[in-house]
Amino acid sequence: MSTPTELRARADELESRVPPVTAGPRTDDERMWLEKAAALRNEADQLDAADRATEK
């Protein structure tokens, strides 16, 4: 299992592969990387929320 920080770092790495939108239409791979990055960020947010809930 990864920590929220590790998940966000992986999301940043995936997003860095995608050129700016002004470079033209997204390829299938670029869309996949952005979707995966969003899923990783969502997972990190869920882990953060779970950690906060157990601290109370």
PDB file of N, CA and C in Angstrom:
ATOM      1  N   MET A   1       0.846  -1.184   0.000  1.00  0.00           N
ATOM      2  CA  MET A   1       0.000   0.000   0.000  1.00  0.00           C
ATOM      3  C   MET A   1       0.886   1.239   0.000  1.00  0.00           C
ATOM      4  N   SER A   2       0.491   2.228  -0.739  1.00  0.00           N
ATOM      5  CA  SER A   2       1.257   3.461  -0.848  1.00  0.00           C
ATOM      6  C   SER A   2       0.674   4.531   0.056  1.00  0.00           C
ATOM      7  N   THR A   3       1.516   5.474   0.397  1.00  0.00           N
ATOM      8  CA  THR A   3       1.058   6.601   1.204  1.00  0.00           C
ATOM      9  C   THR A   3       0.431   7.642   0.275  1.00  0.00           C
ATOM     10  N   PRO A   4      -0.392   8.546   0.839  1.00  0.00           N
ATOM     11  CA  PRO A   4      -0.963   9.610   0.013  1.00  0.00           C
ATOM     12  C   PRO A   4       0.110  10.435  -0.709  1.00  0.00           C
ATOM     13  N   THR A   5       1.229  10.678  -0.048  1.00  0.00           N
ATOM     14  CA  THR A   5       2.307  11.446  -0.669  1.00  0.00           C
ATOM     15  C   THR A   5       2.876  10.705  -1.873  1.00  0.00           C
ATOM     16  N   GLU A   6       3.066   9.400  -1.748  1.00  0.00           N
ATOM     17  CA  GLU A   6       3.585   8.603  -2.864  1.00  0.00           C
ATOM     18  C   GLU A   6       2.588   8.565  -4.021  1.00  0.00           C
ATOM     19  N   LEU A   7       1.309   8.449  -3.696  1.00  0.00           N
ATOM     20  CA  LEU A   7       0.281   8.421  -4.737  1.00  0.00           C
ATOM     21  C   LEU A   7       0.245   9.747  -5.497  1.00  0.00           C
ATOM     22  N   ARG A   8       0.334  10.844  -4.765  1.00  0.00           N
ATOM     23  CA  ARG A   8       0.322  12.158  -5.427  1.00  0.00           C
ATOM     24  C   ARG A   8       1.583  12.377  -6.262  1.00  0.00           C
ATOM     25  N   ALA A   9       2.711  11.874  -5.797  1.00  0.00           N
ATOM     26  CA  ALA A   9       3.945  11.989  -6.577  1.00  0.00           C
ATOM     27  C   ALA A   9       3.825  11.208  -7.884  1.00  0.00           C
ATOM     28  N   ARG A  10       3.229  10.036  -7.824  1.00  0.00           N
ATOM     29  CA  ARG A  10       3.013   9.232  -9.038  1.00  0.00           C
ATOM     30  C   ARG A  10       2.052   9.953  -9.983  1.00  0.00           C
ATOM     31  N   ALA A  11       1.005  10.571  -9.430  1.00  0.00           N
ATOM     32  CA  ALA A  11       0.064  11.331 -10.257  1.00  0.00           C
ATOM     33  C   ALA A  11       0.782  12.495 -10.945  1.00  0.00           C
ATOM     34  N   ASP A  12       1.641  13.188 -10.218  1.00  0.00           N
ATOM     35  CA  ASP A  12       2.415  14.291 -10.807  1.00  0.00           C
ATOM     36  C   ASP A  12       3.284  13.791 -11.953  1.00  0.00           C
ATOM     37  N   GLU A  13       3.904  12.614 -11.754  1.00  0.00           N
ATOM     38  CA  GLU A  13       4.780  12.055 -12.779  1.00  0.00           C
ATOM     39  C   GLU A  13       3.973  11.716 -14.040  1.00  0.00           C
ATOM     40  N   LEU A  14       2.799  11.149 -13.869  1.00  0.00           N
ATOM     41  CA  LEU A  14       1.961  10.818 -15.021  1.00  0.00           C
ATOM     42  C   LEU A  14       1.514  12.085 -15.752  1.00  0.00           C
ATOM     43  N   GLU A  15       1.125  13.094 -14.991  1.00  0.00           N
ATOM     44  CA  GLU A  15       0.671  14.343 -15.609  1.00  0.00           C
ATOM     45  C   GLU A  15       1.806  15.052 -16.347  1.00  0.00           C
ATOM     46  N   SER A  16       3.026  14.862 -15.890  1.00  0.00           N
ATOM     47  CA  SER A  16       4.158  15.518 -16.551  1.00  0.00           C
ATOM     48  C   SER A  16       4.424  14.928 -17.935  1.00  0.00           C
ATOM     49  N   ARG A  17       3.894  13.754 -18.214  1.00  0.00           N
ATOM     50  CA  ARG A  17       4.057  13.132 -19.534  1.00  0.00           C
ATOM     51  C   ARG A  17       3.170  13.772 -20.592  1.00  0.00           C
ATOM     52  N   VAL A  18       2.147  14.494 -20.142  1.00  0.00           N
ATOM     53  CA  VAL A  18       1.153  15.033 -21.052  1.00  0.00           C
ATOM     54  C   VAL A  18       1.521  16.466 -21.438  1.00  0.00           C
ATOM     55  N   PRO A  19       1.648  16.722 -22.749  1.00  0.00           N
ATOM     56  CA  PRO A  19       1.966  18.087 -23.175  1.00  0.00           C
ATOM     57  C   PRO A  19       0.779  19.025 -22.928  1.00  0.00           C
ATOM     58  N   PRO A  20       1.028  20.329 -22.957  1.00  0.00           N
ATOM     59  CA  PRO A  20      -0.080  21.285 -22.766  1.00  0.00           C
ATOM     60  C   PRO A  20      -1.179  21.069 -23.801  1.00  0.00           C
ATOM     61  N   VAL A  21      -2.374  21.430 -23.443  1.00  0.00           N
ATOM     62  CA  VAL A  21      -3.519  21.230 -24.333  1.00  0.00           C
ATOM     63  C   VAL A  21      -3.345  22.019 -25.634  1.00  0.00           C
ATOM     64  N   THR A  22      -2.567  23.070 -25.610  1.00  0.00           N
ATOM     65  CA  THR A  22      -2.341  23.857 -26.823  1.00  0.00           C
ATOM     66  C   THR A  22      -1.495  23.102 -27.846  1.00  0.00           C
ATOM     67  N   ALA A  23      -0.922  21.973 -27.453  1.00  0.00           N
ATOM     68  CA  ALA A  23      -0.099  21.175 -28.363  1.00  0.00           C
ATOM     69  C   ALA A  23      -0.939  20.367 -29.348  1.00  0.00           C
ATOM     70  N   GLY A  24      -2.234  20.311 -29.112  1.00  0.00           N
ATOM     71  CA  GLY A  24      -3.105  19.581 -30.024  1.00  0.00           C
ATOM     72  C   GLY A  24      -3.979  18.594 -29.279  1.00  0.00           C
ATOM     73  N   PRO A  25      -4.739  17.830 -30.020  1.00  0.00           N
ATOM     74  CA  PRO A  25      -5.656  16.860 -29.398  1.00  0.00           C
ATOM     75  C   PRO A  25      -4.893  15.816 -28.569  1.00  0.00           C
ATOM     76  N   ARG A  26      -5.513  15.361 -27.523  1.00  0.00           N
ATOM     77  CA  ARG A  26      -4.918  14.336 -26.661  1.00  0.00           C
ATOM     78  C   ARG A  26      -4.935  12.977 -27.364  1.00  0.00           C
ATOM     79  N   THR A  27      -3.863  12.228 -27.152  1.00  0.00           N
ATOM     80  CA  THR A  27      -3.835  10.850 -27.642  1.00  0.00           C
ATOM     81  C   THR A  27      -4.536   9.963 -26.619  1.00  0.00           C
ATOM     82  N   ASP A  28      -4.787   8.731 -27.007  1.00  0.00           N
ATOM     83  CA  ASP A  28      -5.400   7.786 -26.070  1.00  0.00           C
ATOM     84  C   ASP A  28      -4.511   7.591 -24.845  1.00  0.00           C
ATOM     85  N   ASP A  29      -3.202   7.489 -25.066  1.00  0.00           N
ATOM     86  CA  ASP A  29      -2.277   7.318 -23.942  1.00  0.00           C
ATOM     87  C   ASP A  29      -2.319   8.514 -23.007  1.00  0.00           C
ATOM     88  N   GLU A  30      -2.342   9.711 -23.571  1.00  0.00           N
ATOM     89  CA  GLU A  30      -2.379  10.914 -22.734  1.00  0.00           C
ATOM     90  C   GLU A  30      -3.656  10.971 -21.910  1.00  0.00           C
ATOM     91  N   ARG A  31      -4.778  10.626 -22.507  1.00  0.00           N
ATOM     92  CA  ARG A  31      -6.041  10.597 -21.753  1.00  0.00           C
ATOM     93  C   ARG A  31      -5.973   9.540 -20.647  1.00  0.00           C
ATOM     94  N   MET A  32      -5.381   8.393 -20.960  1.00  0.00           N
ATOM     95  CA  MET A  32      -5.246   7.326 -19.964  1.00  0.00           C
ATOM     96  C   MET A  32      -4.391   7.795 -18.786  1.00  0.00           C
ATOM     97  N   TRP A  33      -3.274   8.491 -19.076  1.00  0.00           N
ATOM     98  CA  TRP A  33      -2.394   8.975 -18.006  1.00  0.00           C
ATOM     99  C   TRP A  33      -3.128   9.972 -17.116  1.00  0.00           C
ATOM    100  N   LEU A  34      -3.900  10.860 -17.734  1.00  0.00           N
ATOM    101  CA  LEU A  34      -4.638  11.849 -16.945  1.00  0.00           C
ATOM    102  C   LEU A  34      -5.723  11.185 -16.093  1.00  0.00           C
ATOM    103  N   GLU A  35      -6.385  10.187 -16.648  1.00  0.00           N
ATOM    104  CA  GLU A  35      -7.401   9.458 -15.880  1.00  0.00           C
ATOM    105  C   GLU A  35      -6.761   8.702 -14.717  1.00  0.00           C
ATOM    106  N   LYS A  36      -5.631   8.071 -14.962  1.00  0.00           N
ATOM    107  CA  LYS A  36      -4.926   7.341 -13.904  1.00  0.00           C
ATOM    108  C   LYS A  36      -4.455   8.311 -12.823  1.00  0.00           C
ATOM    109  N   ALA A  37      -3.944   9.470 -13.225  1.00  0.00           N
ATOM    110  CA  ALA A  37      -3.500  10.484 -12.256  1.00  0.00           C
ATOM    111  C   ALA A  37      -4.670  10.938 -11.388  1.00  0.00           C
ATOM    112  N   ALA A  38      -5.817  11.154 -12.002  1.00  0.00           N
ATOM    113  CA  ALA A  38      -7.003  11.559 -11.242  1.00  0.00           C
ATOM    114  C   ALA A  38      -7.417  10.466 -10.255  1.00  0.00           C
ATOM    115  N   ALA A  39      -7.345   9.211 -10.687  1.00  0.00           N
ATOM    116  CA  ALA A  39      -7.694   8.094  -9.799  1.00  0.00           C
ATOM    117  C   ALA A  39      -6.712   7.998  -8.622  1.00  0.00           C
ATOM    118  N   LEU A  40      -5.426   8.222  -8.889  1.00  0.00           N
ATOM    119  CA  LEU A  40      -4.430   8.187  -7.813  1.00  0.00           C
ATOM    120  C   LEU A  40      -4.667   9.310  -6.808  1.00  0.00           C
ATOM    121  N   ARG A  41      -4.987  10.500  -7.312  1.00  0.00           N
ATOM    122  CA  ARG A  41      -5.274  11.622  -6.408  1.00  0.00           C
ATOM    123  C   ARG A  41      -6.519  11.339  -5.565  1.00  0.00           C
ATOM    124  N   ASN A  42      -7.522  10.721  -6.185  1.00  0.00           N
ATOM    125  CA  ASN A  42      -8.737  10.365  -5.463  1.00  0.00           C
ATOM    126  C   ASN A  42      -8.421   9.351  -4.360  1.00  0.00           C
ATOM    127  N   GLU A  43      -7.601   8.374  -4.677  1.00  0.00           N
ATOM    128  CA  GLU A  43      -7.212   7.373  -3.678  1.00  0.00           C
ATOM    129  C   GLU A  43      -6.439   8.023  -2.527  1.00  0.00           C
ATOM    130  N   ALA A  44      -5.547   8.956  -2.858  1.00  0.00           N
ATOM    131  CA  ALA A  44      -4.786   9.663  -1.824  1.00  0.00           C
ATOM    132  C   ALA A  44      -5.722  10.465  -0.932  1.00  0.00           C
ATOM    133  N   ASP A  45      -6.710  11.124  -1.529  1.00  0.00           N
ATOM    134  CA  ASP A  45      -7.682  11.888  -0.740  1.00  0.00           C
ATOM    135  C   ASP A  45      -8.481  10.975   0.185  1.00  0.00           C
ATOM    136  N   GLN A  46      -8.857   9.799  -0.305  1.00  0.00           N
ATOM    137  CA  GLN A  46      -9.606   8.848   0.519  1.00  0.00           C
ATOM    138  C   GLN A  46      -8.762   8.355   1.692  1.00  0.00           C
ATOM    139  N   LEU A  47      -7.477   8.096   1.432  1.00  0.00           N
ATOM    140  CA  LEU A  47      -6.593   7.662   2.519  1.00  0.00           C
ATOM    141  C   LEU A  47      -6.419   8.764   3.560  1.00  0.00           C
ATOM    142  N   ASP A  48      -6.289  10.012   3.092  1.00  0.00           N
ATOM    143  CA  ASP A  48      -6.196  11.142   4.019  1.00  0.00           C
ATOM    144  C   ASP A  48      -7.453  11.255   4.872  1.00  0.00           C
ATOM    145  N   ALA A  49      -8.608  11.104   4.246  1.00  0.00           N
ATOM    146  CA  ALA A  49      -9.875  11.194   4.969  1.00  0.00           C
ATOM    147  C   ALA A  49      -9.996  10.061   5.992  1.00  0.00           C
ATOM    148  N   ALA A  50      -9.579   8.873   5.614  1.00  0.00           N
ATOM    149  CA  ALA A  50      -9.631   7.735   6.532  1.00  0.00           C
ATOM    150  C   ALA A  50      -8.693   7.963   7.718  1.00  0.00           C
ATOM    151  N   ASP A  51      -7.514   8.527   7.452  1.00  0.00           N
ATOM    152  CA  ASP A  51      -6.558   8.816   8.522  1.00  0.00           C
ATOM    153  C   ASP A  51      -7.141   9.853   9.490  1.00  0.00           C
ATOM    154  N   ARG A  52      -7.787  10.880   8.943  1.00  0.00           N
ATOM    155  CA  ARG A  52      -8.388  11.909   9.803  1.00  0.00           C
ATOM    156  C   ARG A  52      -9.510  11.326  10.641  1.00  0.00           C
ATOM    157  N   ALA A  53     -10.285  10.406  10.070  1.00  0.00           N
ATOM    158  CA  ALA A  53     -11.401   9.806  10.786  1.00  0.00           C
ATOM    159  C   ALA A  53     -10.915   8.938  11.951  1.00  0.00           C
ATOM    160  N   THR A  54      -9.775   8.286  11.772  1.00  0.00           N
ATOM    161  CA  THR A  54      -9.272   7.422  12.850  1.00  0.00           C
ATOM    162  C   THR A  54      -8.552   8.217  13.920  1.00  0.00           C
ATOM    163  N   GLU A  55      -8.140   9.459  13.614  1.00  0.00           N
ATOM    164  CA  GLU A  55      -7.463  10.302  14.602  1.00  0.00           C
ATOM    165  C   GLU A  55      -8.437  10.848  15.623  1.00  0.00           C
ATOM    166  N   LYS A  56      -9.721  10.914  15.276  1.00  0.00           N
ATOM    167  CA  LYS A  56     -10.717  11.517  16.183  1.00  0.00           C
ATOM    168  C   LYS A  56     -11.109  10.599  17.282  1.00  0.00           C
TER     169      LYS A  56
END
